[in-house]
Amino acid sequence: MNAPFGHNRKASNAGGRMYAIVFDLDTATLEQTYPNQSWRNAYQDIRRVLEDRGFEWQQGSTYFGNENITAVDCVLAAQELKRTYQWFQPSVRDIRMLRIEENNDLGPALG
């Protein structure tokens, strides 16, 4: 059985790590370059590609990889986004790969 996604789990792949992709899009550029009616649909396009590659949307523009995702998979996912969508690279203000050792929900600390 695969490890669950989400909060309060330790990464279970080799080395006890999991990887994430986070990005920030320049929405003014996206408005100019996105070919469909609403540039906001770009986020759903990105989500489809990343989910197909084993990433799960966490929040905002943050996607956590499943237990099988490696650093190489993160690079390949970013390259696939560039190759699939002409608007992606010009619209990217920042894109990063994060290596995460643990993922703990701090919500209970607020209550």
N, C-alpha and C. Protein backbone atom coordinates (compact mmCIF):
# COMPACT_ATOMS: atom_id res chain seq x y z
N MET A 1 0.85 -1.19 0.00
CA MET A 1 0.00 0.00 0.00
C MET A 1 0.89 1.24 0.00
N ASN A 2 0.52 2.23 -0.79
CA ASN A 2 1.30 3.46 -0.88
C ASN A 2 1.09 4.33 0.34
N ALA A 3 2.12 5.11 0.66
CA ALA A 3 2.01 6.06 1.77
C ALA A 3 0.99 7.13 1.41
N PRO A 4 0.23 7.63 2.36
CA PRO A 4 -0.77 8.65 2.07
C PRO A 4 -0.12 9.98 1.71
N PHE A 5 -0.83 10.75 0.90
CA PHE A 5 -0.41 12.11 0.63
C PHE A 5 -0.82 12.97 1.82
N GLY A 6 -0.36 14.21 1.80
CA GLY A 6 -0.89 15.18 2.74
C GLY A 6 -0.04 15.38 3.96
N HIS A 7 -0.68 15.92 4.98
CA HIS A 7 -0.01 16.34 6.20
C HIS A 7 0.37 15.16 7.08
N ASN A 8 1.31 15.42 7.95
CA ASN A 8 1.71 14.48 9.00
C ASN A 8 2.18 13.13 8.47
N ARG A 9 3.11 13.18 7.54
CA ARG A 9 3.71 11.94 7.07
C ARG A 9 5.19 12.17 6.84
N LYS A 10 5.94 11.14 7.06
CA LYS A 10 7.35 11.17 6.71
C LYS A 10 7.48 10.66 5.29
N ALA A 11 8.44 11.21 4.59
CA ALA A 11 8.69 10.74 3.24
C ALA A 11 9.17 9.30 3.30
N SER A 12 8.71 8.48 2.36
CA SER A 12 9.03 7.07 2.44
C SER A 12 9.94 6.58 1.32
N ASN A 13 10.38 7.47 0.43
CA ASN A 13 11.26 6.99 -0.63
C ASN A 13 12.69 6.87 -0.12
N ALA A 14 13.58 6.42 -0.96
CA ALA A 14 14.98 6.20 -0.56
C ALA A 14 15.55 7.46 0.07
N GLY A 15 16.16 7.31 1.21
CA GLY A 15 16.74 8.46 1.89
C GLY A 15 15.76 9.22 2.75
N GLY A 16 14.50 8.79 2.81
CA GLY A 16 13.52 9.47 3.65
C GLY A 16 13.17 10.86 3.19
N ARG A 17 13.17 11.08 1.89
CA ARG A 17 12.87 12.40 1.35
C ARG A 17 11.66 12.33 0.44
N MET A 18 10.99 13.46 0.33
CA MET A 18 10.03 13.62 -0.75
C MET A 18 10.31 14.96 -1.40
N TYR A 19 9.81 15.12 -2.59
CA TYR A 19 10.10 16.31 -3.37
C TYR A 19 8.81 17.04 -3.71
N ALA A 20 8.95 18.34 -3.89
CA ALA A 20 7.82 19.18 -4.26
C ALA A 20 8.26 20.16 -5.34
N ILE A 21 7.31 20.60 -6.11
CA ILE A 21 7.52 21.67 -7.08
C ILE A 21 6.65 22.84 -6.64
N VAL A 22 7.24 24.01 -6.56
CA VAL A 22 6.51 25.24 -6.26
C VAL A 22 6.84 26.25 -7.35
N PHE A 23 5.86 27.06 -7.71
CA PHE A 23 6.10 28.03 -8.77
C PHE A 23 5.25 29.27 -8.54
N ASP A 24 5.66 30.35 -9.19
CA ASP A 24 4.93 31.60 -9.18
C ASP A 24 4.83 32.06 -10.62
N LEU A 25 3.63 32.36 -11.06
CA LEU A 25 3.42 32.83 -12.43
C LEU A 25 3.18 34.33 -12.44
N ASP A 26 3.71 34.98 -13.46
CA ASP A 26 3.46 36.40 -13.70
C ASP A 26 2.11 36.48 -14.41
N THR A 27 1.09 36.87 -13.70
CA THR A 27 -0.26 36.82 -14.27
C THR A 27 -0.46 37.82 -15.40
N ALA A 28 0.25 38.93 -15.38
CA ALA A 28 0.15 39.89 -16.49
C ALA A 28 0.66 39.25 -17.78
N THR A 29 1.79 38.56 -17.68
CA THR A 29 2.32 37.85 -18.85
C THR A 29 1.38 36.72 -19.25
N LEU A 30 0.87 36.01 -18.28
CA LEU A 30 -0.03 34.91 -18.55
C LEU A 30 -1.28 35.40 -19.29
N GLU A 31 -1.80 36.55 -18.89
CA GLU A 31 -2.98 37.11 -19.57
C GLU A 31 -2.70 37.36 -21.05
N GLN A 32 -1.46 37.73 -21.36
CA GLN A 32 -1.08 38.03 -22.74
C GLN A 32 -0.77 36.78 -23.56
N THR A 33 -0.27 35.73 -22.91
CA THR A 33 0.22 34.57 -23.65
C THR A 33 -0.69 33.36 -23.62
N TYR A 34 -1.59 33.28 -22.65
CA TYR A 34 -2.46 32.10 -22.53
C TYR A 34 -3.50 32.12 -23.65
N PRO A 35 -3.62 31.04 -24.41
CA PRO A 35 -4.46 31.07 -25.62
C PRO A 35 -5.96 30.89 -25.38
N ASN A 36 -6.38 30.46 -24.23
CA ASN A 36 -7.80 30.20 -23.99
C ASN A 36 -8.48 31.42 -23.40
N GLN A 37 -9.79 31.32 -23.24
CA GLN A 37 -10.59 32.48 -22.83
C GLN A 37 -10.15 33.08 -21.50
N SER A 38 -9.92 32.26 -20.50
CA SER A 38 -9.51 32.77 -19.19
C SER A 38 -8.13 32.26 -18.82
N TRP A 39 -7.21 33.17 -18.53
CA TRP A 39 -5.85 32.78 -18.16
C TRP A 39 -5.84 31.96 -16.87
N ARG A 40 -6.88 32.07 -16.08
CA ARG A 40 -6.94 31.30 -14.83
C ARG A 40 -6.99 29.79 -15.08
N ASN A 41 -7.42 29.40 -16.27
CA ASN A 41 -7.45 27.98 -16.62
C ASN A 41 -6.05 27.40 -16.74
N ALA A 42 -5.04 28.24 -16.84
CA ALA A 42 -3.66 27.76 -16.94
C ALA A 42 -3.29 26.93 -15.71
N TYR A 43 -3.79 27.30 -14.57
CA TYR A 43 -3.46 26.56 -13.35
C TYR A 43 -4.01 25.13 -13.41
N GLN A 44 -5.18 24.96 -14.02
CA GLN A 44 -5.74 23.61 -14.17
C GLN A 44 -4.93 22.81 -15.19
N ASP A 45 -4.47 23.47 -16.25
CA ASP A 45 -3.61 22.80 -17.23
C ASP A 45 -2.34 22.28 -16.57
N ILE A 46 -1.72 23.12 -15.75
CA ILE A 46 -0.50 22.73 -15.03
C ILE A 46 -0.80 21.57 -14.09
N ARG A 47 -1.89 21.67 -13.39
CA ARG A 47 -2.27 20.63 -12.43
C ARG A 47 -2.41 19.26 -13.11
N ARG A 48 -3.05 19.24 -14.29
CA ARG A 48 -3.23 17.98 -15.01
C ARG A 48 -1.89 17.32 -15.34
N VAL A 49 -0.94 18.11 -15.84
CA VAL A 49 0.37 17.56 -16.18
C VAL A 49 1.07 17.02 -14.94
N LEU A 50 1.07 17.81 -13.87
CA LEU A 50 1.78 17.39 -12.66
C LEU A 50 1.12 16.17 -12.01
N GLU A 51 -0.19 16.13 -11.98
CA GLU A 51 -0.87 14.96 -11.40
C GLU A 51 -0.59 13.70 -12.23
N ASP A 52 -0.53 13.85 -13.54
CA ASP A 52 -0.21 12.70 -14.40
C ASP A 52 1.20 12.18 -14.14
N ARG A 53 2.06 13.03 -13.60
CA ARG A 53 3.45 12.64 -13.33
C ARG A 53 3.67 12.22 -11.87
N GLY A 54 2.61 12.11 -11.07
CA GLY A 54 2.76 11.62 -9.70
C GLY A 54 2.84 12.70 -8.63
N PHE A 55 2.42 13.92 -8.96
CA PHE A 55 2.39 15.00 -7.99
C PHE A 55 0.95 15.24 -7.55
N GLU A 56 0.80 15.71 -6.31
CA GLU A 56 -0.52 16.03 -5.79
C GLU A 56 -0.54 17.51 -5.41
N TRP A 57 -1.61 18.21 -5.82
CA TRP A 57 -1.77 19.61 -5.45
C TRP A 57 -1.90 19.70 -3.94
N GLN A 58 -1.12 20.60 -3.35
CA GLN A 58 -1.14 20.78 -1.90
C GLN A 58 -1.90 22.06 -1.54
N GLN A 59 -1.43 23.18 -2.09
CA GLN A 59 -2.09 24.47 -1.91
C GLN A 59 -1.44 25.46 -2.85
N GLY A 60 -2.20 26.47 -3.27
CA GLY A 60 -1.65 27.48 -4.16
C GLY A 60 -0.98 26.84 -5.37
N SER A 61 0.28 27.15 -5.57
CA SER A 61 1.07 26.59 -6.67
C SER A 61 2.12 25.64 -6.11
N THR A 62 1.72 24.81 -5.18
CA THR A 62 2.61 23.85 -4.53
C THR A 62 2.09 22.44 -4.79
N TYR A 63 2.98 21.60 -5.30
CA TYR A 63 2.65 20.21 -5.61
C TYR A 63 3.67 19.29 -4.95
N PHE A 64 3.19 18.34 -4.17
CA PHE A 64 4.06 17.35 -3.53
C PHE A 64 4.12 16.11 -4.40
N GLY A 65 5.33 15.58 -4.56
CA GLY A 65 5.48 14.33 -5.28
C GLY A 65 5.11 13.16 -4.40
N ASN A 66 4.70 12.06 -5.05
CA ASN A 66 4.41 10.86 -4.28
C ASN A 66 5.72 10.20 -3.84
N GLU A 67 5.63 9.05 -3.20
CA GLU A 67 6.82 8.41 -2.62
C GLU A 67 7.82 7.94 -3.66
N ASN A 68 7.43 7.90 -4.94
CA ASN A 68 8.34 7.44 -5.98
C ASN A 68 9.05 8.57 -6.72
N ILE A 69 8.67 9.81 -6.45
CA ILE A 69 9.21 10.96 -7.17
C ILE A 69 10.64 11.25 -6.71
N THR A 70 11.51 11.48 -7.69
CA THR A 70 12.91 11.83 -7.42
C THR A 70 13.16 13.25 -7.91
N ALA A 71 14.36 13.76 -7.64
CA ALA A 71 14.75 15.08 -8.13
C ALA A 71 14.70 15.11 -9.65
N VAL A 72 15.11 14.04 -10.28
CA VAL A 72 15.08 13.97 -11.75
C VAL A 72 13.64 14.09 -12.26
N ASP A 73 12.70 13.46 -11.58
CA ASP A 73 11.29 13.56 -11.97
C ASP A 73 10.79 15.00 -11.91
N CYS A 74 11.27 15.76 -10.93
CA CYS A 74 10.88 17.17 -10.82
C CYS A 74 11.36 17.96 -12.03
N VAL A 75 12.60 17.73 -12.40
CA VAL A 75 13.17 18.42 -13.57
C VAL A 75 12.39 18.03 -14.83
N LEU A 76 12.13 16.75 -14.99
CA LEU A 76 11.41 16.28 -16.17
C LEU A 76 9.99 16.84 -16.22
N ALA A 77 9.34 16.99 -15.07
CA ALA A 77 8.00 17.56 -15.03
C ALA A 77 8.02 19.03 -15.47
N ALA A 78 9.00 19.79 -14.99
CA ALA A 78 9.12 21.19 -15.39
C ALA A 78 9.38 21.29 -16.90
N GLN A 79 10.23 20.41 -17.41
CA GLN A 79 10.51 20.42 -18.85
C GLN A 79 9.28 20.04 -19.66
N GLU A 80 8.48 19.11 -19.14
CA GLU A 80 7.25 18.74 -19.85
C GLU A 80 6.28 19.91 -19.90
N LEU A 81 6.18 20.67 -18.82
CA LEU A 81 5.30 21.84 -18.82
C LEU A 81 5.76 22.84 -19.89
N LYS A 82 7.05 23.05 -19.98
CA LYS A 82 7.58 23.97 -21.00
C LYS A 82 7.29 23.45 -22.40
N ARG A 83 7.49 22.16 -22.62
CA ARG A 83 7.30 21.55 -23.93
C ARG A 83 5.81 21.53 -24.32
N THR A 84 4.94 21.32 -23.35
CA THR A 84 3.51 21.18 -23.62
C THR A 84 2.82 22.52 -23.84
N TYR A 85 3.23 23.53 -23.10
CA TYR A 85 2.54 24.83 -23.13
C TYR A 85 3.52 25.95 -23.49
N GLN A 86 3.30 26.57 -24.65
CA GLN A 86 4.18 27.67 -25.07
C GLN A 86 4.14 28.84 -24.11
N TRP A 87 3.04 29.03 -23.43
CA TRP A 87 2.88 30.15 -22.52
C TRP A 87 3.57 29.93 -21.17
N PHE A 88 3.95 28.70 -20.87
CA PHE A 88 4.44 28.40 -19.53
C PHE A 88 5.75 29.12 -19.20
N GLN A 89 6.78 28.91 -19.97
CA GLN A 89 8.09 29.50 -19.64
C GLN A 89 8.05 31.03 -19.57
N PRO A 90 7.44 31.72 -20.54
CA PRO A 90 7.41 33.19 -20.42
C PRO A 90 6.66 33.69 -19.18
N SER A 91 5.72 32.88 -18.70
CA SER A 91 4.89 33.29 -17.57
C SER A 91 5.48 32.95 -16.21
N VAL A 92 6.51 32.12 -16.19
CA VAL A 92 7.09 31.68 -14.91
C VAL A 92 7.98 32.78 -14.34
N ARG A 93 7.61 33.26 -13.18
CA ARG A 93 8.44 34.22 -12.45
C ARG A 93 9.49 33.48 -11.63
N ASP A 94 9.07 32.33 -11.05
CA ASP A 94 9.97 31.52 -10.23
C ASP A 94 9.43 30.10 -10.20
N ILE A 95 10.33 29.12 -10.27
CA ILE A 95 9.93 27.72 -10.13
C ILE A 95 11.06 27.01 -9.41
N ARG A 96 10.69 26.21 -8.41
CA ARG A 96 11.69 25.56 -7.56
C ARG A 96 11.30 24.12 -7.25
N MET A 97 12.32 23.34 -6.98
CA MET A 97 12.14 22.00 -6.46
C MET A 97 12.55 22.05 -5.00
N LEU A 98 11.73 21.48 -4.14
CA LEU A 98 12.04 21.42 -2.72
C LEU A 98 12.21 19.96 -2.32
N ARG A 99 13.16 19.72 -1.46
CA ARG A 99 13.33 18.39 -0.86
C ARG A 99 12.82 18.50 0.57
N ILE A 100 11.88 17.65 0.92
CA ILE A 100 11.20 17.74 2.21
C ILE A 100 11.50 16.49 3.01
N GLU A 101 11.93 16.68 4.24
CA GLU A 101 12.22 15.55 5.13
C GLU A 101 10.98 15.09 5.89
N GLU A 102 10.17 16.04 6.35
CA GLU A 102 8.92 15.74 7.05
C GLU A 102 7.88 16.77 6.65
N ASN A 103 6.63 16.40 6.78
CA ASN A 103 5.52 17.28 6.45
C ASN A 103 4.52 17.20 7.59
N ASN A 104 4.49 18.21 8.43
CA ASN A 104 3.62 18.20 9.61
C ASN A 104 2.63 19.35 9.57
N ASP A 105 1.39 19.05 9.84
CA ASP A 105 0.32 20.04 9.90
C ASP A 105 0.45 20.83 11.20
N LEU A 106 0.60 22.13 11.10
CA LEU A 106 0.69 22.98 12.29
C LEU A 106 -0.67 23.50 12.75
N GLY A 107 -1.73 23.14 12.04
CA GLY A 107 -3.06 23.58 12.42
C GLY A 107 -3.42 23.31 13.87
N PRO A 108 -3.15 22.11 14.39
CA PRO A 108 -3.48 21.84 15.79
C PRO A 108 -2.76 22.77 16.77
N ALA A 109 -1.62 23.29 16.41
CA ALA A 109 -0.90 24.21 17.29
C ALA A 109 -1.62 25.55 17.41
N LEU A 110 -2.49 25.85 16.47
CA LEU A 110 -3.23 27.11 16.50
C LEU A 110 -4.50 27.02 17.34
N GLY A 111 -4.96 25.82 17.61
CA GLY A 111 -6.23 25.64 18.29
C GLY A 111 -6.03 25.48 19.72
